[in-house]
Amino acid sequence: DVVVVPVPSRRSSIRKRGFDPVAKLLAATHSGDDTFRLQPVLRD
């Protein structure tokens, strides 16, 4: 019934790390669990 929206990291943090931790973790979790929809709606 719901979608899961990750809070995005700052763009400077993503450039430094090379990835967005919350989005990456949710994507990996979602890939093994089709019970919710992941939707990256927000932009920092």
ModelCIF file with pLDDT and N, C-alpha, C, O atoms, coordinates in Angstrom:
data_MODEL
#
_entry.id   MODEL 
#
_entity.id                         1 
_entity.type                       polymer 
_entity.pdbx_number_of_molecules   1 
#
_entity_poly.entity_id                      1 
_entity_poly.type                           'polypeptide(L)' 
_entity_poly.nstd_linkage                   no 
_entity_poly.nstd_monomer                   no 
_entity_poly.pdbx_seq_one_letter_code       DVVVVPVPSRRSSIRKRGFDPVAKLLAATHSGDDTFRLQPVLRD 
_entity_poly.pdbx_seq_one_letter_code_can   DVVVVPVPSRRSSIRKRGFDPVAKLLAATHSGDDTFRLQPVLRD 
_entity_poly.pdbx_strand_id                 A 
#
loop_
_entity_poly_seq.entity_id 
_entity_poly_seq.num 
_entity_poly_seq.mon_id 
_entity_poly_seq.hetero 
1 1  ASP n 
1 2  VAL n 
1 3  VAL n 
1 4  VAL n 
1 5  VAL n 
1 6  PRO n 
1 7  VAL n 
1 8  PRO n 
1 9  SER n 
1 10 ARG n 
1 11 ARG n 
1 12 SER n 
1 13 SER n 
1 14 ILE n 
1 15 ARG n 
1 16 LYS n 
1 17 ARG n 
1 18 GLY n 
1 19 PHE n 
1 20 ASP n 
1 21 PRO n 
1 22 VAL n 
1 23 ALA n 
1 24 LYS n 
1 25 LEU n 
1 26 LEU n 
1 27 ALA n 
1 28 ALA n 
1 29 THR n 
1 30 HIS n 
1 31 SER n 
1 32 GLY n 
1 33 ASP n 
1 34 ASP n 
1 35 THR n 
1 36 PHE n 
1 37 ARG n 
1 38 LEU n 
1 39 GLN n 
1 40 PRO n 
1 41 VAL n 
1 42 LEU n 
1 43 ARG n 
1 44 ASP n 
#
_struct_asym.id          A 
_struct_asym.entity_id   1 
#
loop_
_ma_qa_metric.id 
_ma_qa_metric.mode 
_ma_qa_metric.name 
_ma_qa_metric.software_group_id 
_ma_qa_metric.type 
1 global pLDDT . pLDDT 
2 local  pLDDT . pLDDT 
#
_ma_qa_metric_global.metric_id      1 
_ma_qa_metric_global.metric_value   83.11 
_ma_qa_metric_global.model_id       1 
_ma_qa_metric_global.ordinal_id     1 
#
loop_
_ma_qa_metric_local.label_asym_id 
_ma_qa_metric_local.label_comp_id 
_ma_qa_metric_local.label_seq_id 
_ma_qa_metric_local.metric_id 
_ma_qa_metric_local.metric_value 
_ma_qa_metric_local.model_id 
_ma_qa_metric_local.ordinal_id 
A ASP 1  2 87.00 1 1  
A VAL 2  2 89.00 1 2  
A VAL 3  2 90.00 1 3  
A VAL 4  2 92.00 1 4  
A VAL 5  2 94.00 1 5  
A PRO 6  2 93.00 1 6  
A VAL 7  2 93.00 1 7  
A PRO 8  2 90.00 1 8  
A SER 9  2 87.00 1 9  
A ARG 10 2 85.00 1 10 
A ARG 11 2 84.00 1 11 
A SER 12 2 84.00 1 12 
A SER 13 2 85.00 1 13 
A ILE 14 2 85.00 1 14 
A ARG 15 2 86.00 1 15 
A LYS 16 2 87.00 1 16 
A ARG 17 2 86.00 1 17 
A GLY 18 2 87.00 1 18 
A PHE 19 2 88.00 1 19 
A ASP 20 2 90.00 1 20 
A PRO 21 2 90.00 1 21 
A VAL 22 2 91.00 1 22 
A ALA 23 2 88.00 1 23 
A LYS 24 2 87.00 1 24 
A LEU 25 2 88.00 1 25 
A LEU 26 2 88.00 1 26 
A ALA 27 2 83.00 1 27 
A ALA 28 2 79.00 1 28 
A THR 29 2 76.00 1 29 
A HIS 30 2 67.00 1 30 
A SER 31 2 55.00 1 31 
A GLY 32 2 50.00 1 32 
A ASP 33 2 49.00 1 33 
A ASP 34 2 52.00 1 34 
A THR 35 2 63.00 1 35 
A PHE 36 2 75.00 1 36 
A ARG 37 2 84.00 1 37 
A LEU 38 2 87.00 1 38 
A GLN 39 2 89.00 1 39 
A PRO 40 2 90.00 1 40 
A VAL 41 2 92.00 1 41 
A LEU 42 2 93.00 1 42 
A ARG 43 2 90.00 1 43 
A ASP 44 2 89.00 1 44 
#
loop_
_atom_site.group_PDB 
_atom_site.id 
_atom_site.type_symbol 
_atom_site.label_atom_id 
_atom_site.label_alt_id 
_atom_site.label_comp_id 
_atom_site.label_asym_id 
_atom_site.label_entity_id 
_atom_site.label_seq_id 
_atom_site.pdbx_PDB_ins_code 
_atom_site.Cartn_x 
_atom_site.Cartn_y 
_atom_site.Cartn_z 
_atom_site.occupancy 
_atom_site.B_iso_or_equiv 
_atom_site.pdbx_formal_charge 
_atom_site.auth_seq_id 
_atom_site.auth_comp_id 
_atom_site.auth_asym_id 
_atom_site.auth_atom_id 
_atom_site.pdbx_PDB_model_num 
ATOM 1   N N  . ASP A 1 1  ? 0.805  -1.219  0.000  1.00 87.00 ? 1  ASP A N  1 
ATOM 2   C CA . ASP A 1 1  ? 0.000  0.000   0.000  1.00 87.00 ? 1  ASP A CA 1 
ATOM 3   C C  . ASP A 1 1  ? 0.838  1.269   0.000  1.00 87.00 ? 1  ASP A C  1 
ATOM 4   O O  . ASP A 1 1  ? 0.306  2.352   -0.244 1.00 87.00 ? 1  ASP A O  1 
ATOM 5   N N  . VAL A 1 2  ? 2.142  1.163   0.269  1.00 89.00 ? 2  VAL A N  1 
ATOM 6   C CA . VAL A 1 2  ? 2.966  2.358   0.489  1.00 89.00 ? 2  VAL A CA 1 
ATOM 7   C C  . VAL A 1 2  ? 4.183  2.361   -0.427 1.00 89.00 ? 2  VAL A C  1 
ATOM 8   O O  . VAL A 1 2  ? 4.533  1.353   -1.039 1.00 89.00 ? 2  VAL A O  1 
ATOM 9   N N  . VAL A 1 3  ? 4.815  3.526   -0.498 1.00 90.00 ? 3  VAL A N  1 
ATOM 10  C CA . VAL A 1 3  ? 6.133  3.621   -1.119 1.00 90.00 ? 3  VAL A CA 1 
ATOM 11  C C  . VAL A 1 3  ? 7.119  4.108   -0.060 1.00 90.00 ? 3  VAL A C  1 
ATOM 12  O O  . VAL A 1 3  ? 6.749  4.851   0.849  1.00 90.00 ? 3  VAL A O  1 
ATOM 13  N N  . VAL A 1 4  ? 8.359  3.689   -0.183 1.00 92.00 ? 4  VAL A N  1 
ATOM 14  C CA . VAL A 1 4  ? 9.416  4.076   0.750  1.00 92.00 ? 4  VAL A CA 1 
ATOM 15  C C  . VAL A 1 4  ? 10.288 5.132   0.087  1.00 92.00 ? 4  VAL A C  1 
ATOM 16  O O  . VAL A 1 4  ? 10.823 4.922   -1.002 1.00 92.00 ? 4  VAL A O  1 
ATOM 17  N N  . VAL A 1 5  ? 10.424 6.272   0.758  1.00 94.00 ? 5  VAL A N  1 
ATOM 18  C CA . VAL A 1 5  ? 11.162 7.413   0.209  1.00 94.00 ? 5  VAL A CA 1 
ATOM 19  C C  . VAL A 1 5  ? 12.443 7.626   1.014  1.00 94.00 ? 5  VAL A C  1 
ATOM 20  O O  . VAL A 1 5  ? 12.362 7.945   2.201  1.00 94.00 ? 5  VAL A O  1 
ATOM 21  N N  . PRO A 1 6  ? 13.619 7.461   0.411  1.00 93.00 ? 6  PRO A N  1 
ATOM 22  C CA . PRO A 1 6  ? 14.868 7.716   1.138  1.00 93.00 ? 6  PRO A CA 1 
ATOM 23  C C  . PRO A 1 6  ? 15.122 9.211   1.292  1.00 93.00 ? 6  PRO A C  1 
ATOM 24  O O  . PRO A 1 6  ? 14.847 9.992   0.381  1.00 93.00 ? 6  PRO A O  1 
ATOM 25  N N  . VAL A 1 7  ? 15.651 9.605   2.452  1.00 93.00 ? 7  VAL A N  1 
ATOM 26  C CA . VAL A 1 7  ? 16.137 10.971  2.622  1.00 93.00 ? 7  VAL A CA 1 
ATOM 27  C C  . VAL A 1 7  ? 17.491 11.055  1.923  1.00 93.00 ? 7  VAL A C  1 
ATOM 28  O O  . VAL A 1 7  ? 18.416 10.341  2.309  1.00 93.00 ? 7  VAL A O  1 
ATOM 29  N N  . PRO A 1 8  ? 17.635 11.904  0.909  1.00 90.00 ? 8  PRO A N  1 
ATOM 30  C CA . PRO A 1 8  ? 18.900 11.933  0.151  1.00 90.00 ? 8  PRO A CA 1 
ATOM 31  C C  . PRO A 1 8  ? 20.018 12.593  0.944  1.00 90.00 ? 8  PRO A C  1 
ATOM 32  O O  . PRO A 1 8  ? 19.781 13.479  1.765  1.00 90.00 ? 8  PRO A O  1 
ATOM 33  N N  . SER A 1 9  ? 21.237 12.145  0.684  1.00 87.00 ? 9  SER A N  1 
ATOM 34  C CA . SER A 1 9  ? 22.414 12.780  1.270  1.00 87.00 ? 9  SER A CA 1 
ATOM 35  C C  . SER A 1 9  ? 22.702 14.095  0.559  1.00 87.00 ? 9  SER A C  1 
ATOM 36  O O  . SER A 1 9  ? 22.199 14.348  -0.536 1.00 87.00 ? 9  SER A O  1 
ATOM 37  N N  . ARG A 1 10 ? 23.515 14.925  1.194  1.00 85.00 ? 10 ARG A N  1 
ATOM 38  C CA . ARG A 1 10 ? 23.984 16.137  0.517  1.00 85.00 ? 10 ARG A CA 1 
ATOM 39  C C  . ARG A 1 10 ? 24.768 15.745  -0.729 1.00 85.00 ? 10 ARG A C  1 
ATOM 40  O O  . ARG A 1 10 ? 25.444 14.717  -0.758 1.00 85.00 ? 10 ARG A O  1 
ATOM 41  N N  . ARG A 1 11 ? 24.666 16.575  -1.744 1.00 84.00 ? 11 ARG A N  1 
ATOM 42  C CA . ARG A 1 11 ? 25.389 16.284  -2.989 1.00 84.00 ? 11 ARG A CA 1 
ATOM 43  C C  . ARG A 1 11 ? 26.893 16.238  -2.762 1.00 84.00 ? 11 ARG A C  1 
ATOM 44  O O  . ARG A 1 11 ? 27.595 15.441  -3.385 1.00 84.00 ? 11 ARG A O  1 
ATOM 45  N N  . SER A 1 12 ? 27.392 17.098  -1.864 1.00 84.00 ? 12 SER A N  1 
ATOM 46  C CA . SER A 1 12 ? 28.832 17.088  -1.580 1.00 84.00 ? 12 SER A CA 1 
ATOM 47  C C  . SER A 1 12 ? 29.245 15.778  -0.911 1.00 84.00 ? 12 SER A C  1 
ATOM 48  O O  . SER A 1 12 ? 30.337 15.271  -1.168 1.00 84.00 ? 12 SER A O  1 
ATOM 49  N N  . SER A 1 13 ? 28.378 15.225  -0.052 1.00 85.00 ? 13 SER A N  1 
ATOM 50  C CA . SER A 1 13 ? 28.684 13.954  0.612  1.00 85.00 ? 13 SER A CA 1 
ATOM 51  C C  . SER A 1 13 ? 28.676 12.801  -0.380 1.00 85.00 ? 13 SER A C  1 
ATOM 52  O O  . SER A 1 13 ? 29.502 11.892  -0.299 1.00 85.00 ? 13 SER A O  1 
ATOM 53  N N  . ILE A 1 14 ? 27.727 12.845  -1.324 1.00 85.00 ? 14 ILE A N  1 
ATOM 54  C CA . ILE A 1 14 ? 27.671 11.787  -2.339 1.00 85.00 ? 14 ILE A CA 1 
ATOM 55  C C  . ILE A 1 14 ? 28.919 11.816  -3.214 1.00 85.00 ? 14 ILE A C  1 
ATOM 56  O O  . ILE A 1 14 ? 29.477 10.771  -3.549 1.00 85.00 ? 14 ILE A O  1 
ATOM 57  N N  . ARG A 1 15 ? 29.353 13.021  -3.580 1.00 86.00 ? 15 ARG A N  1 
ATOM 58  C CA . ARG A 1 15 ? 30.582 13.128  -4.383 1.00 86.00 ? 15 ARG A CA 1 
ATOM 59  C C  . ARG A 1 15 ? 31.784 12.583  -3.605 1.00 86.00 ? 15 ARG A C  1 
ATOM 60  O O  . ARG A 1 15 ? 32.638 11.904  -4.175 1.00 86.00 ? 15 ARG A O  1 
ATOM 61  N N  . LYS A 1 16 ? 31.848 12.874  -2.334 1.00 87.00 ? 16 LYS A N  1 
ATOM 62  C CA . LYS A 1 16 ? 32.982 12.444  -1.521 1.00 87.00 ? 16 LYS A CA 1 
ATOM 63  C C  . LYS A 1 16 ? 32.987 10.934  -1.329 1.00 87.00 ? 16 LYS A C  1 
ATOM 64  O O  . LYS A 1 16 ? 34.028 10.287  -1.443 1.00 87.00 ? 16 LYS A O  1 
ATOM 65  N N  . ARG A 1 17 ? 31.809 10.375  -1.036 1.00 86.00 ? 17 ARG A N  1 
ATOM 66  C CA . ARG A 1 17 ? 31.712 8.935   -0.761 1.00 86.00 ? 17 ARG A CA 1 
ATOM 67  C C  . ARG A 1 17 ? 31.629 8.108   -2.033 1.00 86.00 ? 17 ARG A C  1 
ATOM 68  O O  . ARG A 1 17 ? 32.099 6.971   -2.087 1.00 86.00 ? 17 ARG A O  1 
ATOM 69  N N  . GLY A 1 18 ? 31.021 8.703   -3.058 1.00 87.00 ? 18 GLY A N  1 
ATOM 70  C CA . GLY A 1 18 ? 30.801 7.961   -4.287 1.00 87.00 ? 18 GLY A CA 1 
ATOM 71  C C  . GLY A 1 18 ? 29.487 7.215   -4.324 1.00 87.00 ? 18 GLY A C  1 
ATOM 72  O O  . GLY A 1 18 ? 29.218 6.486   -5.279 1.00 87.00 ? 18 GLY A O  1 
ATOM 73  N N  . PHE A 1 19 ? 28.661 7.382   -3.302 1.00 88.00 ? 19 PHE A N  1 
ATOM 74  C CA . PHE A 1 19 ? 27.356 6.728   -3.258 1.00 88.00 ? 19 PHE A CA 1 
ATOM 75  C C  . PHE A 1 19 ? 26.499 7.416   -2.196 1.00 88.00 ? 19 PHE A C  1 
ATOM 76  O O  . PHE A 1 19 ? 27.001 8.162   -1.355 1.00 88.00 ? 19 PHE A O  1 
ATOM 77  N N  . ASP A 1 20 ? 25.196 7.147   -2.256 1.00 90.00 ? 20 ASP A N  1 
ATOM 78  C CA . ASP A 1 20 ? 24.247 7.659   -1.273 1.00 90.00 ? 20 ASP A CA 1 
ATOM 79  C C  . ASP A 1 20 ? 23.908 6.508   -0.330 1.00 90.00 ? 20 ASP A C  1 
ATOM 80  O O  . ASP A 1 20 ? 23.259 5.553   -0.757 1.00 90.00 ? 20 ASP A O  1 
ATOM 81  N N  . PRO A 1 21 ? 24.325 6.564   0.944  1.00 90.00 ? 21 PRO A N  1 
ATOM 82  C CA . PRO A 1 21 ? 24.175 5.418   1.843  1.00 90.00 ? 21 PRO A CA 1 
ATOM 83  C C  . PRO A 1 21 ? 22.737 4.932   2.031  1.00 90.00 ? 21 PRO A C  1 
ATOM 84  O O  . PRO A 1 21 ? 22.486 3.727   1.996  1.00 90.00 ? 21 PRO A O  1 
ATOM 85  N N  . VAL A 1 22 ? 21.793 5.853   2.230  1.00 91.00 ? 22 VAL A N  1 
ATOM 86  C CA . VAL A 1 22 ? 20.416 5.436   2.480  1.00 91.00 ? 22 VAL A CA 1 
ATOM 87  C C  . VAL A 1 22 ? 19.809 4.808   1.232  1.00 91.00 ? 22 VAL A C  1 
ATOM 88  O O  . VAL A 1 22 ? 19.196 3.743   1.306  1.00 91.00 ? 22 VAL A O  1 
ATOM 89  N N  . ALA A 1 23 ? 19.977 5.458   0.095  1.00 88.00 ? 23 ALA A N  1 
ATOM 90  C CA . ALA A 1 23 ? 19.428 4.925   -1.153 1.00 88.00 ? 23 ALA A CA 1 
ATOM 91  C C  . ALA A 1 23 ? 20.038 3.563   -1.491 1.00 88.00 ? 23 ALA A C  1 
ATOM 92  O O  . ALA A 1 23 ? 19.339 2.658   -1.945 1.00 88.00 ? 23 ALA A O  1 
ATOM 93  N N  . LYS A 1 24 ? 21.340 3.428   -1.267 1.00 87.00 ? 24 LYS A N  1 
ATOM 94  C CA . LYS A 1 24 ? 22.021 2.164   -1.572 1.00 87.00 ? 24 LYS A CA 1 
ATOM 95  C C  . LYS A 1 24 ? 21.523 1.036   -0.666 1.00 87.00 ? 24 LYS A C  1 
ATOM 96  O O  . LYS A 1 24 ? 21.284 -0.082  -1.122 1.00 87.00 ? 24 LYS A O  1 
ATOM 97  N N  . LEU A 1 25 ? 21.371 1.349   0.629  1.00 88.00 ? 25 LEU A N  1 
ATOM 98  C CA . LEU A 1 25 ? 20.906 0.334   1.572  1.00 88.00 ? 25 LEU A CA 1 
ATOM 99  C C  . LEU A 1 25 ? 19.478 -0.089  1.266  1.00 88.00 ? 25 LEU A C  1 
ATOM 100 O O  . LEU A 1 25 ? 19.160 -1.278  1.293  1.00 88.00 ? 25 LEU A O  1 
ATOM 101 N N  . LEU A 1 26 ? 18.611 0.886   0.973  1.00 88.00 ? 26 LEU A N  1 
ATOM 102 C CA . LEU A 1 26 ? 17.233 0.557   0.646  1.00 88.00 ? 26 LEU A CA 1 
ATOM 103 C C  . LEU A 1 26 ? 17.130 -0.231  -0.653 1.00 88.00 ? 26 LEU A C  1 
ATOM 104 O O  . LEU A 1 26 ? 16.325 -1.156  -0.763 1.00 88.00 ? 26 LEU A O  1 
ATOM 105 N N  . ALA A 1 27 ? 17.945 0.138   -1.634 1.00 83.00 ? 27 ALA A N  1 
ATOM 106 C CA . ALA A 1 27 ? 17.920 -0.573  -2.916 1.00 83.00 ? 27 ALA A CA 1 
ATOM 107 C C  . ALA A 1 27 ? 18.329 -2.028  -2.728 1.00 83.00 ? 27 ALA A C  1 
ATOM 108 O O  . ALA A 1 27 ? 17.729 -2.932  -3.310 1.00 83.00 ? 27 ALA A O  1 
ATOM 109 N N  . ALA A 1 28 ? 19.359 -2.247  -1.905 1.00 79.00 ? 28 ALA A N  1 
ATOM 110 C CA . ALA A 1 28 ? 19.825 -3.612  -1.657 1.00 79.00 ? 28 ALA A CA 1 
ATOM 111 C C  . ALA A 1 28 ? 18.784 -4.404  -0.872 1.00 79.00 ? 28 ALA A C  1 
ATOM 112 O O  . ALA A 1 28 ? 18.550 -5.580  -1.152 1.00 79.00 ? 28 ALA A O  1 
ATOM 113 N N  . THR A 1 29 ? 18.164 -3.761  0.106  1.00 76.00 ? 29 THR A N  1 
ATOM 114 C CA . THR A 1 29 ? 17.128 -4.419  0.901  1.00 76.00 ? 29 THR A CA 1 
ATOM 115 C C  . THR A 1 29 ? 15.921 -4.729  0.029  1.00 76.00 ? 29 THR A C  1 
ATOM 116 O O  . THR A 1 29 ? 15.340 -5.811  0.111  1.00 76.00 ? 29 THR A O  1 
ATOM 117 N N  . HIS A 1 30 ? 15.552 -3.764  -0.809 1.00 67.00 ? 30 HIS A N  1 
ATOM 118 C CA . HIS A 1 30 ? 14.387 -3.920  -1.676 1.00 67.00 ? 30 HIS A CA 1 
ATOM 119 C C  . HIS A 1 30 ? 14.606 -5.013  -2.709 1.00 67.00 ? 30 HIS A C  1 
ATOM 120 O O  . HIS A 1 30 ? 13.655 -5.691  -3.099 1.00 67.00 ? 30 HIS A O  1 
ATOM 121 N N  . SER A 1 31 ? 15.846 -5.197  -3.158 1.00 55.00 ? 31 SER A N  1 
ATOM 122 C CA . SER A 1 31 ? 16.105 -6.177  -4.211 1.00 55.00 ? 31 SER A CA 1 
ATOM 123 C C  . SER A 1 31 ? 15.797 -7.591  -3.759 1.00 55.00 ? 31 SER A C  1 
ATOM 124 O O  . SER A 1 31 ? 15.529 -8.464  -4.584 1.00 55.00 ? 31 SER A O  1 
ATOM 125 N N  . GLY A 1 32 ? 15.835 -7.823  -2.448 1.00 50.00 ? 32 GLY A N  1 
ATOM 126 C CA . GLY A 1 32 ? 15.502 -9.145  -1.930 1.00 50.00 ? 32 GLY A CA 1 
ATOM 127 C C  . GLY A 1 32 ? 14.125 -9.196  -1.303 1.00 50.00 ? 32 GLY A C  1 
ATOM 128 O O  . GLY A 1 32 ? 13.756 -10.205 -0.701 1.00 50.00 ? 32 GLY A O  1 
ATOM 129 N N  . ASP A 1 33 ? 13.353 -8.114  -1.436 1.00 49.00 ? 33 ASP A N  1 
ATOM 130 C CA . ASP A 1 33 ? 12.059 -8.035  -0.765 1.00 49.00 ? 33 ASP A CA 1 
ATOM 131 C C  . ASP A 1 33 ? 11.124 -7.188  -1.625 1.00 49.00 ? 33 ASP A C  1 
ATOM 132 O O  . ASP A 1 33 ? 11.264 -5.966  -1.687 1.00 49.00 ? 33 ASP A O  1 
ATOM 133 N N  . ASP A 1 34 ? 10.186 -7.833  -2.278 1.00 52.00 ? 34 ASP A N  1 
ATOM 134 C CA . ASP A 1 34 ? 9.330  -7.113  -3.212 1.00 52.00 ? 34 ASP A CA 1 
ATOM 135 C C  . ASP A 1 34 ? 8.042  -6.618  -2.553 1.00 52.00 ? 34 ASP A C  1 
ATOM 136 O O  . ASP A 1 34 ? 7.056  -6.365  -3.245 1.00 52.00 ? 34 ASP A O  1 
ATOM 137 N N  . THR A 1 35 ? 8.040  -6.477  -1.224 1.00 63.00 ? 35 THR A N  1 
ATOM 138 C CA . THR A 1 35 ? 6.808  -6.111  -0.534 1.00 63.00 ? 35 THR A CA 1 
ATOM 139 C C  . THR A 1 35 ? 6.593  -4.607  -0.441 1.00 63.00 ? 35 THR A C  1 
ATOM 140 O O  . THR A 1 35 ? 5.511  -4.178  -0.039 1.00 63.00 ? 35 THR A O  1 
ATOM 141 N N  . PHE A 1 36 ? 7.575  -3.793  -0.796 1.00 75.00 ? 36 PHE A N  1 
ATOM 142 C CA . PHE A 1 36 ? 7.347  -2.353  -0.829 1.00 75.00 ? 36 PHE A CA 1 
ATOM 143 C C  . PHE A 1 36 ? 8.007  -1.753  -2.060 1.00 75.00 ? 36 PHE A C  1 
ATOM 144 O O  . PHE A 1 36 ? 8.908  -2.344  -2.656 1.00 75.00 ? 36 PHE A O  1 
ATOM 145 N N  . ARG A 1 37 ? 7.537  -0.566  -2.428 1.00 84.00 ? 37 ARG A N  1 
ATOM 146 C CA . ARG A 1 37 ? 8.090  0.122   -3.591 1.00 84.00 ? 37 ARG A CA 1 
ATOM 147 C C  . ARG A 1 37 ? 9.033  1.218   -3.127 1.00 84.00 ? 37 ARG A C  1 
ATOM 148 O O  . ARG A 1 37 ? 8.696  2.001   -2.239 1.00 84.00 ? 37 ARG A O  1 
ATOM 149 N N  . LEU A 1 38 ? 10.196 1.271   -3.719 1.00 87.00 ? 38 LEU A N  1 
ATOM 150 C CA . LEU A 1 38 ? 11.188 2.296   -3.410 1.00 87.00 ? 38 LEU A CA 1 
ATOM 151 C C  . LEU A 1 38 ? 11.054 3.429   -4.411 1.00 87.00 ? 38 LEU A C  1 
ATOM 152 O O  . LEU A 1 38 ? 11.045 3.193   -5.619 1.00 87.00 ? 38 LEU A O  1 
ATOM 153 N N  . GLN A 1 39 ? 10.947 4.674   -3.914 1.00 89.00 ? 39 GLN A N  1 
ATOM 154 C CA . GLN A 1 39 ? 10.748 5.817   -4.800 1.00 89.00 ? 39 GLN A CA 1 
ATOM 155 C C  . GLN A 1 39 ? 11.614 6.987   -4.323 1.00 89.00 ? 39 GLN A C  1 
ATOM 156 O O  . GLN A 1 39 ? 11.283 7.607   -3.312 1.00 89.00 ? 39 GLN A O  1 
ATOM 157 N N  . PRO A 1 40 ? 12.709 7.310   -5.018 1.00 90.00 ? 40 PRO A N  1 
ATOM 158 C CA . PRO A 1 40 ? 13.570 8.437   -4.629 1.00 90.00 ? 40 PRO A CA 1 
ATOM 159 C C  . PRO A 1 40 ? 12.979 9.774   -5.054 1.00 90.00 ? 40 PRO A C  1 
ATOM 160 O O  . PRO A 1 40 ? 13.415 10.368  -6.041 1.00 90.00 ? 40 PRO A O  1 
ATOM 161 N N  . VAL A 1 41 ? 11.995 10.241  -4.314 1.00 92.00 ? 41 VAL A N  1 
ATOM 162 C CA . VAL A 1 41 ? 11.231 11.433  -4.676 1.00 92.00 ? 41 VAL A CA 1 
ATOM 163 C C  . VAL A 1 41 ? 11.994 12.719  -4.373 1.00 92.00 ? 41 VAL A C  1 
ATOM 164 O O  . VAL A 1 41 ? 11.911 13.686  -5.131 1.00 92.00 ? 41 VAL A O  1 
ATOM 165 N N  . LEU A 1 42 ? 12.741 12.731  -3.258 1.00 93.00 ? 42 LEU A N  1 
ATOM 166 C CA . LEU A 1 42 ? 13.343 13.971  -2.776 1.00 93.00 ? 42 LEU A CA 1 
ATOM 167 C C  . LEU A 1 42 ? 14.720 14.248  -3.375 1.00 93.00 ? 42 LEU A C  1 
ATOM 168 O O  . LEU A 1 42 ? 15.461 13.333  -3.732 1.00 93.00 ? 42 LEU A O  1 
ATOM 169 N N  . ARG A 1 43 ? 15.036 15.533  -3.472 1.00 90.00 ? 43 ARG A N  1 
ATOM 170 C CA . ARG A 1 43 ? 16.362 15.984  -3.902 1.00 90.00 ? 43 ARG A CA 1 
ATOM 171 C C  . ARG A 1 43 ? 16.902 16.960  -2.850 1.00 90.00 ? 43 ARG A C  1 
ATOM 172 O O  . ARG A 1 43 ? 16.200 17.868  -2.405 1.00 90.00 ? 43 ARG A O  1 
ATOM 173 N N  . ASP A 1 44 ? 18.150 16.753  -2.469 1.00 89.00 ? 44 ASP A N  1 
ATOM 174 C CA . ASP A 1 44 ? 18.787 17.635  -1.484 1.00 89.00 ? 44 ASP A CA 1 
ATOM 175 C C  . ASP A 1 44 ? 19.310 18.890  -2.184 1.00 89.00 ? 44 ASP A C  1 
ATOM 176 O O  . ASP A 1 44 ? 19.883 19.765  -1.535 1.00 89.00 ? 44 ASP A O  1 
#
